[in-house]
C-alpha atoms as a PDB file:
ATOM      1  CA  MET A   1       1.209   2.895 -33.708  1.00  0.00           C
ATOM      2  CA  PRO A   2       3.187   4.593 -36.530  1.00  0.00           C
ATOM      3  CA  ARG A   3       5.485   7.404 -35.503  1.00  0.00           C
ATOM      4  CA  SER A   4       4.158  10.952 -35.485  1.00  0.00           C
ATOM      5  CA  ASN A   5       6.600  13.820 -36.008  1.00  0.00           C
ATOM      6  CA  ASN A   6       4.657  16.245 -33.795  1.00  0.00           C
ATOM      7  CA  ARG A   7       4.859  16.265 -30.009  1.00  0.00           C
ATOM      8  CA  VAL A   8       1.067  16.226 -29.617  1.00  0.00           C
ATOM      9  CA  TYR A   9      -0.903  15.205 -32.682  1.00  0.00           C
ATOM     10  CA  ILE A  10      -4.572  14.195 -32.831  1.00  0.00           C
ATOM     11  CA  ALA A  11      -4.520  12.280 -36.099  1.00  0.00           C
ATOM     12  CA  LEU A  12      -8.221  11.445 -36.110  1.00  0.00           C
ATOM     13  CA  HIS A  13      -9.046  15.139 -36.021  1.00  0.00           C
ATOM     14  CA  SER A  14      -6.272  16.547 -38.234  1.00  0.00           C
ATOM     15  CA  ASN A  15      -5.931  13.742 -40.792  1.00  0.00           C
ATOM     16  CA  PRO A  16      -8.708  11.156 -40.290  1.00  0.00           C
ATOM     17  CA  THR A  17      -7.848   9.139 -43.410  1.00  0.00           C
ATOM     18  CA  SER A  18      -4.164   8.656 -42.540  1.00  0.00           C
ATOM     19  CA  ALA A  19      -2.540   5.354 -41.577  1.00  0.00           C
ATOM     20  CA  LEU A  20      -1.931   6.820 -38.116  1.00  0.00           C
ATOM     21  CA  ALA A  21      -5.634   7.551 -37.652  1.00  0.00           C
ATOM     22  CA  GLU A  22      -6.506   4.048 -38.825  1.00  0.00           C
ATOM     23  CA  ALA A  23      -4.092   2.590 -36.270  1.00  0.00           C
ATOM     24  CA  TYR A  24      -5.901   4.339 -33.428  1.00  0.00           C
ATOM     25  CA  ARG A  25      -9.266   3.172 -34.739  1.00  0.00           C
ATOM     26  CA  ASN A  26      -7.887  -0.367 -34.756  1.00  0.00           C
ATOM     27  CA  LEU A  27      -6.747   0.104 -31.158  1.00  0.00           C
ATOM     28  CA  ARG A  28     -10.286   1.081 -30.166  1.00  0.00           C
ATOM     29  CA  ILE A  29     -11.711  -1.981 -31.933  1.00  0.00           C
ATOM     30  CA  ASN A  30      -9.151  -4.286 -30.306  1.00  0.00           C
ATOM     31  CA  ILE A  31     -10.019  -2.924 -26.867  1.00  0.00           C
ATOM     32  CA  GLU A  32     -13.692  -3.614 -27.477  1.00  0.00           C
ATOM     33  CA  PHE A  33     -12.877  -7.106 -28.744  1.00  0.00           C
ATOM     34  CA  ASN A  34     -10.642  -7.963 -25.781  1.00  0.00           C
ATOM     35  CA  ALA A  35     -13.229  -6.666 -23.324  1.00  0.00           C
ATOM     36  CA  GLY A  36     -15.694  -9.276 -24.525  1.00  0.00           C
ATOM     37  CA  ARG A  37     -18.942  -9.006 -22.609  1.00  0.00           C
ATOM     38  CA  LYS A  38     -17.370  -7.217 -19.655  1.00  0.00           C
ATOM     39  CA  GLU A  39     -18.350  -3.585 -19.181  1.00  0.00           C
ATOM     40  CA  MET A  40     -15.394  -1.413 -20.135  1.00  0.00           C
ATOM     41  CA  LYS A  41     -16.345   2.170 -19.302  1.00  0.00           C
ATOM     42  CA  THR A  42     -13.221   3.363 -17.469  1.00  0.00           C
ATOM     43  CA  ILE A  43      -9.866   2.695 -19.136  1.00  0.00           C
ATOM     44  CA  ALA A  44      -6.453   3.802 -17.869  1.00  0.00           C
ATOM     45  CA  LEU A  45      -3.535   4.485 -20.234  1.00  0.00           C
ATOM     46  CA  LEU A  46      -0.172   3.525 -18.711  1.00  0.00           C
ATOM     47  CA  SER A  47       3.472   3.436 -19.706  1.00  0.00           C
ATOM     48  CA  ALA A  48       6.556   2.307 -17.834  1.00  0.00           C
ATOM     49  CA  ASN A  49       8.575   5.475 -18.400  1.00  0.00           C
ATOM     50  CA  PRO A  50       8.169   9.062 -19.660  1.00  0.00           C
ATOM     51  CA  GLY A  51       8.253   9.818 -23.372  1.00  0.00           C
ATOM     52  CA  GLU A  52       6.690   6.597 -24.678  1.00  0.00           C
ATOM     53  CA  GLY A  53       3.727   8.366 -26.287  1.00  0.00           C
ATOM     54  CA  LYS A  54       1.113   7.497 -23.676  1.00  0.00           C
ATOM     55  CA  SER A  55      -0.571  10.907 -23.623  1.00  0.00           C
ATOM     56  CA  THR A  56      -0.662  11.103 -27.428  1.00  0.00           C
ATOM     57  CA  THR A  57      -2.204   7.630 -27.486  1.00  0.00           C
ATOM     58  CA  ALA A  58      -4.793   8.702 -24.900  1.00  0.00           C
ATOM     59  CA  LEU A  59      -5.699  11.762 -26.982  1.00  0.00           C
ATOM     60  CA  ASN A  60      -6.094   9.819 -30.203  1.00  0.00           C
ATOM     61  CA  LEU A  61      -7.929   6.913 -28.612  1.00  0.00           C
ATOM     62  CA  ALA A  62     -10.380   9.391 -27.092  1.00  0.00           C
ATOM     63  CA  ALA A  63     -10.884  10.933 -30.526  1.00  0.00           C
ATOM     64  CA  ALA A  64     -11.419   7.446 -31.992  1.00  0.00           C
ATOM     65  CA  TYR A  65     -14.244   6.773 -29.564  1.00  0.00           C
ATOM     66  CA  ALA A  66     -15.777  10.213 -30.095  1.00  0.00           C
ATOM     67  CA  GLN A  67     -15.637   9.791 -33.864  1.00  0.00           C
ATOM     68  CA  ILE A  68     -18.245   7.012 -33.732  1.00  0.00           C
ATOM     69  CA  GLY A  69     -20.574   9.065 -31.532  1.00  0.00           C
ATOM     70  CA  THR A  70     -19.483   7.599 -28.202  1.00  0.00           C
ATOM     71  CA  ARG A  71     -19.877  10.077 -25.341  1.00  0.00           C
ATOM     72  CA  THR A  72     -16.229  10.220 -24.295  1.00  0.00           C
ATOM     73  CA  LEU A  73     -14.407  11.881 -21.410  1.00  0.00           C
ATOM     74  CA  LEU A  74     -10.615  12.184 -21.275  1.00  0.00           C
ATOM     75  CA  ILE A  75      -9.197  12.747 -17.779  1.00  0.00           C
ATOM     76  CA  ASP A  76      -5.690  14.017 -17.157  1.00  0.00           C
ATOM     77  CA  ALA A  77      -4.753  12.157 -13.965  1.00  0.00           C
ATOM     78  CA  ASP A  78      -1.076  13.065 -14.342  1.00  0.00           C
ATOM     79  CA  MET A  79      -1.288  15.688 -11.621  1.00  0.00           C
ATOM     80  CA  ARG A  80       2.495  15.945 -11.437  1.00  0.00           C
ATOM     81  CA  LYS A  81       3.187  16.868 -15.079  1.00  0.00           C
ATOM     82  CA  PRO A  82      -0.142  17.514 -16.829  1.00  0.00           C
ATOM     83  CA  SER A  83      -0.234  17.926 -20.599  1.00  0.00           C
ATOM     84  CA  ILE A  84      -3.694  17.095 -21.952  1.00  0.00           C
ATOM     85  CA  HIS A  85      -4.944  20.681 -21.643  1.00  0.00           C
ATOM     86  CA  THR A  86      -2.190  21.939 -23.938  1.00  0.00           C
ATOM     87  CA  ALA A  87      -3.339  19.674 -26.787  1.00  0.00           C
ATOM     88  CA  PHE A  88      -6.761  21.321 -26.778  1.00  0.00           C
ATOM     89  CA  GLY A  89      -5.645  24.831 -25.860  1.00  0.00           C
ATOM     90  CA  ILE A  90      -7.840  24.898 -22.764  1.00  0.00           C
ATOM     91  CA  SER A  91      -7.207  26.226 -19.272  1.00  0.00           C
ATOM     92  CA  ASN A  92      -5.742  24.071 -16.515  1.00  0.00           C
ATOM     93  CA  ASN A  93      -6.712  26.485 -13.747  1.00  0.00           C
ATOM     94  CA  GLN A  94      -9.462  24.124 -12.626  1.00  0.00           C
ATOM     95  CA  GLY A  95      -9.707  20.376 -12.895  1.00  0.00           C
ATOM     96  CA  LEU A  96      -9.401  17.020 -11.178  1.00  0.00           C
ATOM     97  CA  THR A  97      -7.621  18.412  -8.122  1.00  0.00           C
ATOM     98  CA  HIS A  98     -10.563  20.724  -7.430  1.00  0.00           C
ATOM     99  CA  ILE A  99     -12.972  17.781  -7.465  1.00  0.00           C
ATOM    100  CA  LEU A 100     -10.831  15.566  -5.236  1.00  0.00           C
ATOM    101  CA  ALA A 101      -9.461  18.167  -2.831  1.00  0.00           C
ATOM    102  CA  MET A 102     -12.195  20.827  -2.782  1.00  0.00           C
ATOM    103  CA  ASP A 103     -15.366  18.811  -3.410  1.00  0.00           C
ATOM    104  CA  ARG A 104     -16.214  20.674  -6.592  1.00  0.00           C
ATOM    105  CA  GLU A 105     -18.787  19.056  -8.882  1.00  0.00           C
ATOM    106  CA  PHE A 106     -17.344  17.536 -12.051  1.00  0.00           C
ATOM    107  CA  SER A 107     -19.858  19.451 -14.147  1.00  0.00           C
ATOM    108  CA  GLU A 108     -18.178  22.674 -13.018  1.00  0.00           C
ATOM    109  CA  VAL A 109     -14.704  21.829 -14.308  1.00  0.00           C
ATOM    110  CA  ILE A 110     -15.168  19.519 -17.308  1.00  0.00           C
ATOM    111  CA  GLN A 111     -14.496  21.374 -20.562  1.00  0.00           C
ATOM    112  CA  ASP A 112     -15.455  20.966 -24.195  1.00  0.00           C
ATOM    113  CA  SER A 113     -12.590  19.731 -26.378  1.00  0.00           C
ATOM    114  CA  GLY A 114     -13.843  21.256 -29.605  1.00  0.00           C
ATOM    115  CA  ILE A 115     -14.312  17.729 -30.993  1.00  0.00           C
ATOM    116  CA  PRO A 116     -17.920  16.462 -31.055  1.00  0.00           C
ATOM    117  CA  CYS A 117     -18.705  13.906 -28.321  1.00  0.00           C
ATOM    118  CA  LEU A 118     -15.353  14.486 -26.568  1.00  0.00           C
ATOM    119  CA  SER A 119     -15.068  16.282 -23.218  1.00  0.00           C
ATOM    120  CA  VAL A 120     -11.925  16.889 -21.175  1.00  0.00           C
ATOM    121  CA  LEU A 121     -11.250  16.967 -17.449  1.00  0.00           C
ATOM    122  CA  PRO A 122      -7.859  18.682 -16.978  1.00  0.00           C
ATOM    123  CA  SER A 123      -5.692  17.834 -13.991  1.00  0.00           C
ATOM    124  CA  GLY A 124      -5.963  21.264 -12.409  1.00  0.00           C
ATOM    125  CA  PRO A 125      -3.194  22.839 -10.295  1.00  0.00           C
ATOM    126  CA  ILE A 126      -0.437  20.453  -9.210  1.00  0.00           C
ATOM    127  CA  PRO A 127      -1.155  19.205  -5.658  1.00  0.00           C
ATOM    128  CA  VAL A 128       1.358  18.066  -3.048  1.00  0.00           C
ATOM    129  CA  ASN A 129      -0.526  14.812  -2.387  1.00  0.00           C
ATOM    130  CA  ALA A 130      -1.444  13.408  -5.808  1.00  0.00           C
ATOM    131  CA  SER A 131      -1.251   9.754  -4.743  1.00  0.00           C
ATOM    132  CA  GLU A 132      -3.476  10.322  -1.729  1.00  0.00           C
ATOM    133  CA  LEU A 133      -6.081  12.125  -3.823  1.00  0.00           C
ATOM    134  CA  LEU A 134      -6.221   9.310  -6.383  1.00  0.00           C
ATOM    135  CA  ALA A 135      -6.431   6.688  -3.622  1.00  0.00           C
ATOM    136  CA  SER A 136      -9.343   8.492  -1.980  1.00  0.00           C
ATOM    137  CA  LYS A 137     -12.974   7.402  -1.786  1.00  0.00           C
ATOM    138  CA  ARG A 138     -13.795  10.669  -3.515  1.00  0.00           C
ATOM    139  CA  PHE A 139     -12.019   9.436  -6.666  1.00  0.00           C
ATOM    140  CA  ASP A 140     -13.896   6.131  -6.446  1.00  0.00           C
ATOM    141  CA  GLN A 141     -17.191   8.000  -6.309  1.00  0.00           C
ATOM    142  CA  LEU A 142     -16.156  10.294  -9.150  1.00  0.00           C
ATOM    143  CA  LEU A 143     -15.539   7.326 -11.457  1.00  0.00           C
ATOM    144  CA  GLN A 144     -18.917   5.845 -10.575  1.00  0.00           C
ATOM    145  CA  ASP A 145     -20.667   9.165 -11.247  1.00  0.00           C
ATOM    146  CA  LEU A 146     -18.870   9.649 -14.556  1.00  0.00           C
ATOM    147  CA  LYS A 147     -19.925   6.191 -15.741  1.00  0.00           C
ATOM    148  CA  LYS A 148     -23.508   7.440 -15.608  1.00  0.00           C
ATOM    149  CA  GLU A 149     -22.738  10.493 -17.741  1.00  0.00           C
ATOM    150  CA  TYR A 150     -20.340   9.074 -20.348  1.00  0.00           C
ATOM    151  CA  ASP A 151     -20.096   5.945 -22.459  1.00  0.00           C
ATOM    152  CA  VAL A 152     -16.340   5.684 -21.944  1.00  0.00           C
ATOM    153  CA  VAL A 153     -13.882   7.464 -19.641  1.00  0.00           C
ATOM    154  CA  LEU A 154     -10.190   7.382 -20.608  1.00  0.00           C
ATOM    155  CA  ILE A 155      -7.598   8.293 -17.990  1.00  0.00           C
ATOM    156  CA  ASP A 156      -4.067   9.469 -18.741  1.00  0.00           C
ATOM    157  CA  THR A 157      -1.626   8.676 -15.921  1.00  0.00           C
ATOM    158  CA  PRO A 158       1.980   9.424 -14.905  1.00  0.00           C
ATOM    159  CA  PRO A 159       4.766   6.942 -15.796  1.00  0.00           C
ATOM    160  CA  ALA A 160       3.953   3.820 -13.795  1.00  0.00           C
ATOM    161  CA  LEU A 161       7.505   2.969 -12.715  1.00  0.00           C
ATOM    162  CA  LYS A 162       8.222   6.501 -11.478  1.00  0.00           C
ATOM    163  CA  VAL A 163       5.306   7.077  -9.070  1.00  0.00           C
ATOM    164  CA  MET A 164       2.511   4.925  -7.672  1.00  0.00           C
ATOM    165  CA  ASP A 165      -0.315   7.067  -9.106  1.00  0.00           C
ATOM    166  CA  ALA A 166      -0.758   4.939 -12.236  1.00  0.00           C
ATOM    167  CA  SER A 167      -1.078   1.715 -10.252  1.00  0.00           C
ATOM    168  CA  ILE A 168      -3.681   3.326  -8.012  1.00  0.00           C
ATOM    169  CA  VAL A 169      -5.731   4.397 -11.022  1.00  0.00           C
ATOM    170  CA  ALA A 170      -5.297   1.003 -12.696  1.00  0.00           C
ATOM    171  CA  SER A 171      -6.700  -0.740  -9.634  1.00  0.00           C
ATOM    172  CA  LYS A 172      -9.882   1.339  -9.850  1.00  0.00           C
ATOM    173  CA  THR A 173     -10.650   1.156 -13.577  1.00  0.00           C
ATOM    174  CA  ASP A 174     -12.374  -1.474 -15.697  1.00  0.00           C
ATOM    175  CA  GLY A 175      -9.335  -1.964 -17.926  1.00  0.00           C
ATOM    176  CA  VAL A 176      -5.777  -0.893 -18.666  1.00  0.00           C
ATOM    177  CA  VAL A 177      -3.904  -0.287 -21.918  1.00  0.00           C
ATOM    178  CA  ILE A 178      -0.110  -0.325 -21.627  1.00  0.00           C
ATOM    179  CA  VAL A 179       1.713   1.921 -24.112  1.00  0.00           C
ATOM    180  CA  VAL A 180       5.226   0.779 -25.016  1.00  0.00           C
ATOM    181  CA  GLU A 181       7.671   2.670 -27.223  1.00  0.00           C
ATOM    182  CA  TYR A 182       8.878   0.352 -29.961  1.00  0.00           C
ATOM    183  CA  HIS A 183      12.505  -0.813 -29.540  1.00  0.00           C
ATOM    184  CA  LYS A 184      13.048   1.435 -26.519  1.00  0.00           C
ATOM    185  CA  VAL A 185      11.471   0.080 -23.353  1.00  0.00           C
ATOM    186  CA  LYS A 186      13.750  -2.333 -21.494  1.00  0.00           C
ATOM    187  CA  SER A 187      12.483  -5.859 -20.966  1.00  0.00           C
ATOM    188  CA  ASP A 188      13.053  -5.539 -17.219  1.00  0.00           C
ATOM    189  CA  ASP A 189      10.885  -2.416 -17.115  1.00  0.00           C
ATOM    190  CA  ALA A 190       8.136  -4.107 -19.100  1.00  0.00           C
ATOM    191  CA  ARG A 191       8.266  -7.107 -16.777  1.00  0.00           C
ATOM    192  CA  ARG A 192       8.102  -4.906 -13.692  1.00  0.00           C
ATOM    193  CA  LEU A 193       5.095  -3.063 -15.085  1.00  0.00           C
ATOM    194  CA  VAL A 194       3.214  -6.279 -15.848  1.00  0.00           C
ATOM    195  CA  GLU A 195       4.000  -7.565 -12.345  1.00  0.00           C
ATOM    196  CA  GLU A 196       2.813  -4.284 -10.837  1.00  0.00           C
ATOM    197  CA  MET A 197      -0.483  -4.520 -12.720  1.00  0.00           C
ATOM    198  CA  ALA A 198      -0.954  -8.075 -11.487  1.00  0.00           C
ATOM    199  CA  SER A 199      -0.285  -7.000  -7.906  1.00  0.00           C
ATOM    200  CA  VAL A 200      -3.151  -4.470  -8.013  1.00  0.00           C
ATOM    201  CA  ASN A 201      -5.483  -6.855  -9.880  1.00  0.00           C
ATOM    202  CA  ALA A 202      -5.657  -4.594 -12.916  1.00  0.00           C
ATOM    203  CA  HIS A 203      -7.382  -5.935 -16.020  1.00  0.00           C
ATOM    204  CA  VAL A 204      -4.782  -5.455 -18.772  1.00  0.00           C
ATOM    205  CA  LEU A 205      -6.582  -5.230 -22.107  1.00  0.00           C
ATOM    206  CA  GLY A 206      -3.413  -5.214 -24.159  1.00  0.00           C
ATOM    207  CA  VAL A 207      -0.214  -3.455 -25.140  1.00  0.00           C
ATOM    208  CA  ALA A 208      -0.020  -0.686 -27.749  1.00  0.00           C
ATOM    209  CA  LEU A 209       3.348  -0.487 -29.534  1.00  0.00           C
ATOM    210  CA  ASN A 210       4.010   3.171 -30.182  1.00  0.00           C
ATOM    211  CA  LYS A 211       6.368   5.186 -32.420  1.00  0.00           C
ATOM    212  CA  ILE A 212       6.883   2.429 -34.964  1.00  0.00           C
ATOM    213  CA  ASN A 213       8.891   3.550 -37.981  1.00  0.00           C
ATOM    214  CA  ASN A 214       6.952   3.450 -41.232  1.00  0.00           C
ATOM    215  CA  ARG A 215       9.389   0.927 -42.733  1.00  0.00           C
ATOM    216  CA  ASP A 216       8.425  -1.504 -39.964  1.00  0.00           C
ATOM    217  CA  VAL A 217       4.700  -1.234 -40.617  1.00  0.00           C
ATOM    218  CA  ALA A 218       3.006  -3.501 -43.120  1.00  0.00           C
ATOM    219  CA  VAL A 219       1.364  -1.443 -45.863  1.00  0.00           C
ATOM    220  CA  TYR A 220      -2.004  -2.569 -47.148  1.00  0.00           C
ATOM    221  CA  PRO A 221      -3.537  -1.419 -50.486  1.00  0.00           C
END
C-alpha cells in the first residue's frame, strides 16, 4: 500500500480515483482470489507491532467492500487502544464490550459509518479482561450471528506480538490478513507472527505491505 500522509485516511471515500484507493481495491480482489471457493465472511486484520498501518488498512478495506455494494461490518476488537470510532467521528460509549460482557444485542450498538453499505461496531469502554471476552463462547456466537446479517465482517485487532487478543480472534475467523510496514518490521517478528498464526490454525490469506514510498511503487499509465 502506498504511504498516506494522514494518520487516519479513508482513501476510497476521500479520493476514490487515487493510486492509494486502487491499491485497497486490489487488496480486496486478492483476498477474494486467495479465498477460492471457501466462504470468507469474517476476516481479521493483524500486524506484529503497533504503528504498521493495520487500522488504516482495515478502514480502507472495509470501504473497498462497501463500494461494490457488499454489506460490510467493521469491528474494532482492539479493546485496549481503540481507534476506529475516531475515523468516523462516532461515539465509543457503547460497543463490543457491551455485547460480550453485558449481553447487549449487536443491533443496539452497531452504528452507521456515513458510507453506504458500511456499518461499524466500536470497541466500547476498555475492559479489564479483553482476552477473556474475545475467547468467550459469546464472541463465537456473535460472529455466527453477524454472518447472517452481513456479507463480510472485518475485524481490527491489537498488535499480535504484544497481547494474545489478535491470535484469539484469528483462530475464530475465516481468514487473516497480515499488515506489514515496508522496510520496518524485523524478520524475527514476522517469523514469530507467522508461527503464531500456524499454532492457532489461522487461515492466512496474505500479507499487505503498507506505507510504501511512491518511488518504490510501479506506476502504470
